[in-house]
Amino acid sequence: MRLTAAILAAGSGSRLGGVPKQFRLLAGRPLWHYSYETARAVCAKFDAEILLVLPPDAEEAFQTAEKLAPDARLIAGGTSRGESALKALQAARGELIALHDAARPFASPDLWEKLVEAAGNGRAAVPVLPVPDSLKRRAGSGWEPVSREGLFLTQTPQVFPRDELLRALTGRADAAGLTDEAQAWLEAGKELAAVDGEEKNAKITRPGDWELACRLAGPEIRTGIGYDVHPLTPDRPLVLAGVTVPSPLGLAGHSDADIISHVAADAVLSAAGLPDIGTLYPSSDEQYAGCRSMDLLADAVSRAEQAGWSVQFVSLVVTAQVPKLAPYGPAIRQALEKVLGDGKISVTFKSGESVGPVGEAQAMAAWAAATVARSGLRLPARPL
């Protein structure tokens, strides 16, 4: 029996506020994309199609979805969840339809499969969880207790025989306002199977739900690299991570030529997807002539933080024939930790082994790798 997996992502998310929740980026992905990927996994086991129901007249949302969901058919939803469900039913090609709220990103493929297997032959299937909390009902100016015995929370996806659900909804004046389609199904006297739901399959409705989802999804992590080389010259001080190192040779450059600060800044900016130091602090700009490069590193870290990224670790390798830098390692690490954070830095010093410009004491080179992380709390500048 063919299945249509319909992901309902047309709502406004007004209770959460800001960008509609289905388009918020959760660990780097739009919220709806989690349900889409799960549906793809389910489709691999069933003869299934995916419908992605998006807000009407949302051109940018459709353009983005076409790129991120190549296996889905995209349709415009309605102004309410119920209307979107009806549109999905009308567009579906499968004999069974699974209706799933995009605001539930963590439903597992196993749950989807159990529901599909429990439905069919005139029977629908929904996931449920027993109510764990004590309940109270407002009674006049006071409260009265309500027994939770026999009460269950209903989740999605909910799987129905498509034609029978469409008949159950057709002609109902309140169809657009139903909180779920199982209500209409039961009121039509149809058989309903219950499958154990999943606690992680919670619906994201309020800010606290979003914060919990961010913890479940984990942070978005990126790595960037930096590289720099400076010639050595006898008429300049040697400055590394803001530390002046006694040396007959210093590094030539527009600023103080602090090669360690430069590669660390480039690595952080690269990981955050920001322009490099040559673009942000160009040598053609006189305000950076002789400037302290550790200030540029601090500014680069600040720019990354403003973009939502926090530095997790920076690893640096510096190659130099002269002078011997290992004795100054502790002071250099301490200076970097003041900008990057305690325990977030590794610095290794290598000899040029008398090979090439570095080995002939003509230059010094350095490399850096930076790891940054961003929580799912970030919002895109506009709906995707």
Protein backbone atom coordinates (compact mmCIF):
# COMPACT_ATOMS: atom_id res chain seq x y z
CA MET A 1 0.00 0.00 0.00
CA ARG A 2 1.57 3.28 -1.11
CA LEU A 3 2.38 5.94 1.49
CA THR A 4 2.47 9.73 1.33
CA ALA A 5 4.62 11.32 4.03
CA ALA A 6 3.28 14.87 4.44
CA ILE A 7 5.36 17.34 6.48
CA LEU A 8 3.26 20.28 7.60
CA ALA A 9 5.51 23.37 7.61
CA ALA A 10 3.13 26.19 6.70
CA GLY A 11 2.42 27.67 10.13
CA SER A 12 3.35 31.11 11.44
CA GLY A 13 4.91 29.97 14.74
CA SER A 14 3.43 33.00 16.47
CA ARG A 15 3.72 31.61 20.00
CA LEU A 16 7.47 31.20 19.63
CA GLY A 17 7.87 34.63 18.02
CA GLY A 18 10.36 35.93 15.49
CA VAL A 19 11.14 33.96 12.36
CA PRO A 20 8.55 31.19 11.79
CA LYS A 21 9.89 28.24 13.75
CA GLN A 22 9.98 25.81 10.83
CA PHE A 23 12.62 28.04 9.20
CA ARG A 24 14.77 28.60 12.27
CA LEU A 25 18.20 27.05 12.00
CA LEU A 26 18.69 24.23 14.46
CA ALA A 27 22.39 23.24 14.52
CA GLY A 28 22.76 24.70 11.04
CA ARG A 29 19.65 23.21 9.41
CA PRO A 30 16.11 24.55 9.01
CA LEU A 31 13.81 22.88 11.52
CA TRP A 32 11.62 21.30 8.81
CA HIS A 33 14.66 19.59 7.29
CA TYR A 34 14.96 17.19 10.23
CA SER A 35 11.50 15.74 9.50
CA TYR A 36 12.27 15.65 5.78
CA GLU A 37 15.43 13.59 6.35
CA THR A 38 13.52 11.19 8.59
CA ALA A 39 10.80 10.85 5.94
CA ARG A 40 13.50 10.05 3.37
CA ALA A 41 14.75 7.21 5.56
CA VAL A 42 11.21 5.86 5.85
CA CYS A 43 10.63 6.19 2.11
CA ALA A 44 13.59 3.89 1.52
CA LYS A 45 11.58 1.06 3.14
CA PHE A 46 8.12 1.86 1.81
CA ASP A 47 6.70 2.77 -1.58
CA ALA A 48 6.39 6.38 -0.51
CA GLU A 49 6.39 9.99 -1.64
CA ILE A 50 7.16 13.10 0.41
CA LEU A 51 4.97 16.19 0.44
CA LEU A 52 6.39 19.34 1.99
CA VAL A 53 3.61 21.79 2.82
CA LEU A 54 4.93 25.36 2.93
CA PRO A 55 3.39 28.77 3.60
CA PRO A 56 1.37 30.14 0.68
CA ASP A 57 3.00 33.01 -1.21
CA ALA A 58 6.42 32.28 0.36
CA GLU A 59 8.60 32.30 -2.73
CA GLU A 60 11.92 32.21 -0.87
CA ALA A 61 10.81 29.26 1.25
CA PHE A 62 9.95 27.30 -1.90
CA GLN A 63 13.27 28.16 -3.56
CA THR A 64 15.23 27.00 -0.52
CA ALA A 65 13.17 23.83 -0.16
CA GLU A 66 13.77 22.92 -3.80
CA LYS A 67 17.52 22.90 -3.06
CA LEU A 68 17.37 21.12 0.31
CA ALA A 69 14.55 18.64 -0.36
CA PRO A 70 15.05 17.33 -3.89
CA ASP A 71 12.91 14.24 -3.28
CA ALA A 72 9.86 16.14 -2.06
CA ARG A 73 6.85 17.56 -3.84
CA LEU A 74 6.25 21.11 -2.63
CA ILE A 75 2.74 22.45 -2.15
CA ALA A 76 1.26 25.59 -0.63
CA GLY A 77 -0.57 25.15 2.66
CA GLY A 78 -3.38 27.14 4.20
CA THR A 79 -3.76 29.73 6.92
CA SER A 80 -4.26 27.08 9.61
CA ARG A 81 -2.87 23.65 10.34
CA GLY A 82 -6.20 22.06 9.47
CA GLU A 83 -6.30 23.76 6.07
CA SER A 84 -2.74 22.63 5.36
CA ALA A 85 -3.66 19.06 6.25
CA LEU A 86 -6.62 19.19 3.85
CA LYS A 87 -4.39 20.47 1.06
CA ALA A 88 -1.95 17.65 1.73
CA LEU A 89 -4.77 15.09 1.58
CA GLN A 90 -6.00 16.50 -1.71
CA ALA A 91 -2.50 16.42 -3.23
CA ALA A 92 -1.45 13.01 -1.86
CA ARG A 93 -1.10 10.05 -4.23
CA GLY A 94 -0.74 7.33 -1.61
CA GLU A 95 -3.48 5.14 -0.17
CA LEU A 96 -2.01 5.90 3.28
CA ILE A 97 -0.99 9.37 4.44
CA ALA A 98 1.27 10.20 7.36
CA LEU A 99 0.67 13.75 8.59
CA HIS A 100 3.58 15.12 10.60
CA ASP A 101 4.19 18.52 12.18
CA ALA A 102 7.53 20.03 11.13
CA ALA A 103 7.71 21.42 14.68
CA ARG A 104 8.46 17.87 15.90
CA PRO A 105 11.99 17.38 14.50
CA PHE A 106 13.06 14.34 16.53
CA ALA A 107 10.50 11.67 15.66
CA SER A 108 12.53 8.59 14.80
CA PRO A 109 12.27 6.50 11.61
CA ASP A 110 11.39 3.57 13.88
CA LEU A 111 8.31 5.43 15.15
CA TRP A 112 7.22 6.26 11.59
CA GLU A 113 7.58 2.61 10.57
CA LYS A 114 5.59 1.30 13.54
CA LEU A 115 2.75 3.67 12.72
CA VAL A 116 2.68 2.74 9.03
CA GLU A 117 2.62 -0.95 9.93
CA ALA A 118 -0.22 -0.40 12.45
CA ALA A 119 -2.41 1.54 10.00
CA GLY A 120 -4.37 0.36 6.97
CA ASN A 121 -7.45 -1.75 6.35
CA GLY A 122 -9.66 1.07 7.53
CA ARG A 123 -7.62 1.78 10.65
CA ALA A 124 -5.55 4.82 11.57
CA ALA A 125 -2.54 4.87 13.92
CA VAL A 126 -1.26 7.62 16.20
CA PRO A 127 1.60 7.84 18.73
CA VAL A 128 0.61 8.51 22.33
CA LEU A 129 2.32 9.05 25.68
CA PRO A 130 0.69 8.83 29.11
CA VAL A 131 0.27 12.20 30.82
CA PRO A 132 3.09 12.33 33.43
CA ASP A 133 2.06 15.48 35.31
CA SER A 134 -0.63 16.19 37.88
CA LEU A 135 -3.58 18.03 36.36
CA LYS A 136 -5.77 20.87 37.62
CA ARG A 137 -8.89 22.45 36.10
CA ARG A 138 -9.90 26.04 36.58
CA ALA A 139 -13.17 26.10 38.54
CA GLY A 140 -14.63 29.56 39.03
CA SER A 141 -12.15 31.51 41.13
CA GLY A 142 -10.33 28.38 42.25
CA TRP A 143 -8.96 25.07 41.06
CA GLU A 144 -9.98 21.45 41.21
CA PRO A 145 -7.85 18.33 40.65
CA VAL A 146 -8.30 16.22 37.54
CA SER A 147 -7.32 12.57 37.39
CA ARG A 148 -4.67 11.79 34.80
CA GLU A 149 -5.75 8.15 34.73
CA GLY A 150 -6.44 7.10 31.16
CA LEU A 151 -5.22 10.41 29.68
CA PHE A 152 -2.61 10.43 26.91
CA LEU A 153 -0.69 13.03 24.94
CA THR A 154 -1.06 12.63 21.17
CA GLN A 155 1.88 13.19 18.87
CA THR A 156 2.60 13.05 15.15
CA PRO A 157 3.09 11.52 12.65
CA GLN A 158 -0.45 10.24 12.43
CA VAL A 159 -1.18 7.71 9.69
CA PHE A 160 -4.58 7.35 8.02
CA PRO A 161 -6.20 5.71 5.03
CA ARG A 162 -6.22 8.79 2.82
CA ASP A 163 -9.67 8.57 1.20
CA GLU A 164 -11.44 7.76 4.46
CA LEU A 165 -9.83 10.66 6.30
CA LEU A 166 -10.70 13.01 3.45
CA ARG A 167 -14.35 11.92 3.72
CA ALA A 168 -14.27 12.37 7.51
CA LEU A 169 -13.05 15.94 7.12
CA THR A 170 -15.13 16.98 4.13
CA GLY A 171 -18.10 19.09 5.08
CA ARG A 172 -16.99 19.75 8.65
CA ALA A 173 -17.34 23.44 9.42
CA ASP A 174 -14.59 23.15 12.02
CA ALA A 175 -12.14 21.16 9.86
CA ALA A 176 -9.69 24.07 9.62
CA GLY A 177 -9.64 24.48 13.40
CA LEU A 178 -9.02 20.87 14.43
CA THR A 179 -5.90 20.39 16.55
CA ASP A 180 -5.31 17.02 14.92
CA GLU A 181 -7.05 14.83 12.36
CA ALA A 182 -7.52 11.94 14.81
CA GLN A 183 -10.31 13.97 16.42
CA ALA A 184 -12.36 13.94 13.23
CA TRP A 185 -11.45 10.30 12.65
CA LEU A 186 -12.77 9.21 16.05
CA GLU A 187 -15.90 11.36 15.77
CA ALA A 188 -16.61 9.60 12.47
CA GLY A 189 -16.61 6.29 14.37
CA LYS A 190 -13.39 5.01 12.81
CA GLU A 191 -10.94 2.57 14.37
CA LEU A 192 -7.78 4.06 15.87
CA ALA A 193 -4.63 2.16 16.86
CA ALA A 194 -2.24 3.62 19.42
CA VAL A 195 1.54 3.21 19.24
CA ASP A 196 3.90 4.16 22.05
CA GLY A 197 5.17 7.67 21.35
CA GLU A 198 8.63 9.06 22.06
CA GLU A 199 9.52 11.57 24.74
CA LYS A 200 12.03 13.26 22.45
CA ASN A 201 9.25 13.73 19.86
CA ALA A 202 8.09 16.89 21.63
CA LYS A 203 6.51 19.76 19.74
CA ILE A 204 8.41 23.04 19.66
CA THR A 205 5.92 25.73 20.62
CA ARG A 206 7.46 28.08 23.17
CA PRO A 207 10.97 29.46 23.81
CA GLY A 208 11.70 26.78 26.40
CA ASP A 209 10.89 24.07 23.84
CA TRP A 210 13.35 25.65 21.42
CA GLU A 211 16.12 25.73 24.02
CA LEU A 212 15.54 22.03 24.74
CA ALA A 213 15.66 21.23 21.02
CA CYS A 214 18.98 23.05 20.75
CA ARG A 215 20.41 20.83 23.46
CA LEU A 216 19.13 17.68 21.76
CA ALA A 217 20.43 18.71 18.34
CA GLY A 218 23.84 19.73 19.66
CA PRO A 219 25.94 22.63 18.40
CA GLU A 220 26.96 23.35 14.84
CA ILE A 221 30.75 22.92 14.65
CA ARG A 222 33.12 24.24 12.01
CA THR A 223 36.87 24.27 11.48
CA GLY A 224 38.89 26.98 9.73
CA ILE A 225 42.55 27.25 8.77
CA GLY A 226 45.01 30.13 8.59
CA TYR A 227 48.43 30.46 6.97
CA ASP A 228 50.93 33.29 6.87
CA VAL A 229 54.58 33.91 6.00
CA HIS A 230 56.69 37.00 6.72
CA PRO A 231 60.26 37.79 5.70
CA LEU A 232 62.82 38.32 8.44
CA THR A 233 64.66 41.64 8.58
CA PRO A 234 67.33 43.04 10.93
CA ASP A 235 65.59 46.36 11.53
CA ARG A 236 62.38 45.15 13.21
CA PRO A 237 61.50 43.74 16.67
CA LEU A 238 60.24 40.14 16.71
CA VAL A 239 56.71 40.13 18.12
CA LEU A 240 54.82 36.85 18.54
CA ALA A 241 51.34 36.80 20.14
CA GLY A 242 52.15 40.25 21.49
CA VAL A 243 55.31 38.96 23.21
CA THR A 244 58.56 40.67 22.20
CA VAL A 245 61.13 37.90 21.69
CA PRO A 246 64.85 38.83 21.86
CA SER A 247 66.20 38.30 18.36
CA PRO A 248 68.60 39.93 15.88
CA LEU A 249 65.88 39.54 13.25
CA GLY A 250 62.25 40.65 13.26
CA LEU A 251 59.33 40.13 10.90
CA ALA A 252 58.59 42.64 8.15
CA GLY A 253 55.01 43.77 7.65
CA HIS A 254 52.56 46.68 7.63
CA SER A 255 51.44 46.05 11.21
CA ASP A 256 53.75 44.70 13.93
CA ALA A 257 53.95 41.59 11.67
CA ASP A 258 52.88 39.30 14.53
CA ILE A 259 52.57 36.12 12.47
CA ILE A 260 50.98 34.08 15.28
CA SER A 261 48.20 36.62 15.79
CA HIS A 262 47.63 36.77 12.04
CA VAL A 263 47.19 33.01 11.48
CA ALA A 264 45.05 32.61 14.61
CA ALA A 265 42.78 35.46 13.46
CA ASP A 266 42.52 34.05 9.92
CA ALA A 267 41.67 30.59 11.24
CA VAL A 268 38.89 31.94 13.49
CA LEU A 269 37.47 34.15 10.73
CA SER A 270 37.63 31.28 8.25
CA ALA A 271 35.73 28.95 10.58
CA ALA A 272 33.05 31.60 11.12
CA GLY A 273 32.71 32.19 7.37
CA LEU A 274 33.94 35.77 7.64
CA PRO A 275 36.41 37.70 5.44
CA ASP A 276 40.14 37.24 6.11
CA ILE A 277 42.42 39.73 7.82
CA GLY A 278 43.73 41.06 4.51
CA THR A 279 40.19 42.15 3.69
CA LEU A 280 39.18 43.37 7.13
CA TYR A 281 42.47 45.08 8.05
CA PRO A 282 44.18 45.83 4.70
CA SER A 283 47.81 46.94 4.48
CA SER A 284 46.62 49.79 2.26
CA ASP A 285 44.88 51.35 5.27
CA GLU A 286 47.25 53.57 7.25
CA GLN A 287 45.33 53.11 10.49
CA TYR A 288 46.84 49.60 10.69
CA ALA A 289 50.44 50.73 10.11
CA GLY A 290 52.47 49.37 13.03
CA CYS A 291 49.29 48.32 14.86
CA ARG A 292 49.28 45.66 17.55
CA SER A 293 48.13 42.46 15.84
CA MET A 294 46.81 40.95 19.08
CA ASP A 295 44.17 43.69 18.94
CA LEU A 296 43.24 42.44 15.47
CA LEU A 297 42.96 38.90 16.85
CA ALA A 298 40.68 40.15 19.63
CA ASP A 299 38.56 41.96 17.03
CA ALA A 300 38.38 38.80 14.88
CA VAL A 301 37.16 36.77 17.88
CA SER A 302 34.58 39.49 18.61
CA ARG A 303 33.34 39.41 15.02
CA ALA A 304 32.97 35.63 15.18
CA GLU A 305 31.04 35.92 18.45
CA GLN A 306 28.73 38.54 16.95
CA ALA A 307 27.98 36.02 14.19
CA GLY A 308 27.02 33.49 16.88
CA TRP A 309 30.26 31.47 17.01
CA SER A 310 32.35 30.70 20.06
CA VAL A 311 35.98 29.62 19.80
CA GLN A 312 36.51 26.09 21.10
CA PHE A 313 40.18 25.53 20.30
CA VAL A 314 43.04 26.91 18.19
CA SER A 315 46.09 24.84 17.26
CA LEU A 316 49.15 26.64 15.84
CA VAL A 317 52.41 25.49 14.26
CA VAL A 318 55.23 28.01 13.81
CA THR A 319 58.35 27.22 11.75
CA ALA A 320 61.52 29.25 12.30
CA GLN A 321 65.24 28.61 11.97
CA VAL A 322 66.19 31.51 14.25
CA PRO A 323 65.69 32.30 17.03
CA LYS A 324 64.83 29.22 19.07
CA LEU A 325 61.24 29.86 20.14
CA ALA A 326 60.49 26.98 22.53
CA PRO A 327 61.69 28.90 25.64
CA TYR A 328 59.07 31.57 24.93
CA GLY A 329 56.25 29.08 24.46
CA PRO A 330 54.67 29.55 27.94
CA ALA A 331 54.54 33.36 27.59
CA ILE A 332 53.08 33.07 24.07
CA ARG A 333 50.41 30.57 25.18
CA GLN A 334 49.48 32.73 28.16
CA ALA A 335 49.09 35.80 25.94
CA LEU A 336 46.88 33.90 23.48
CA GLU A 337 44.71 32.48 26.28
CA LYS A 338 43.87 36.02 27.40
CA VAL A 339 42.16 36.51 24.01
CA LEU A 340 40.98 33.01 23.11
CA GLY A 341 40.20 31.60 26.55
CA ASP A 342 41.98 29.35 29.03
CA GLY A 343 42.86 25.90 27.76
CA LYS A 344 41.85 26.74 24.18
CA ILE A 345 45.27 26.98 22.59
CA SER A 346 48.10 24.72 21.46
CA VAL A 347 51.35 26.10 20.01
CA THR A 348 54.07 23.97 18.44
CA PHE A 349 57.43 25.30 17.28
CA LYS A 350 59.34 23.65 14.45
CA SER A 351 62.75 24.23 12.93
CA GLY A 352 63.16 25.05 9.28
CA GLU A 353 65.75 22.23 9.10
CA SER A 354 67.94 24.49 6.95
CA VAL A 355 65.56 23.99 4.01
CA GLY A 356 64.06 26.79 1.92
CA PRO A 357 63.51 30.41 2.95
CA VAL A 358 62.51 29.47 6.51
CA GLY A 359 65.50 27.12 6.93
CA GLU A 360 67.84 29.80 5.59
CA ALA A 361 66.51 32.32 8.16
CA GLN A 362 64.96 34.47 5.42
CA ALA A 363 61.37 34.05 6.65
CA MET A 364 59.09 32.63 9.28
CA ALA A 365 55.88 30.70 8.50
CA ALA A 366 52.89 29.67 10.58
CA TRP A 367 49.70 27.62 10.28
CA ALA A 368 46.61 27.52 12.49
CA ALA A 369 43.43 25.47 12.74
CA ALA A 370 40.47 26.87 14.69
CA THR A 371 37.37 25.02 15.85
CA VAL A 372 34.28 27.10 16.55
CA ALA A 373 30.78 26.13 17.66
CA ARG A 374 27.36 27.72 17.40
CA SER A 375 24.18 26.66 19.18
CA GLY A 376 20.86 26.24 17.39
CA LEU A 377 19.60 29.49 18.92
CA ARG A 378 20.68 31.41 15.82
CA LEU A 379 18.01 32.92 13.58
CA PRO A 380 18.50 33.56 9.89
CA ALA A 381 18.32 37.17 8.74
CA ARG A 382 15.05 36.40 6.93
CA PRO A 383 12.89 33.30 6.43
CA LEU A 384 14.60 30.70 4.28
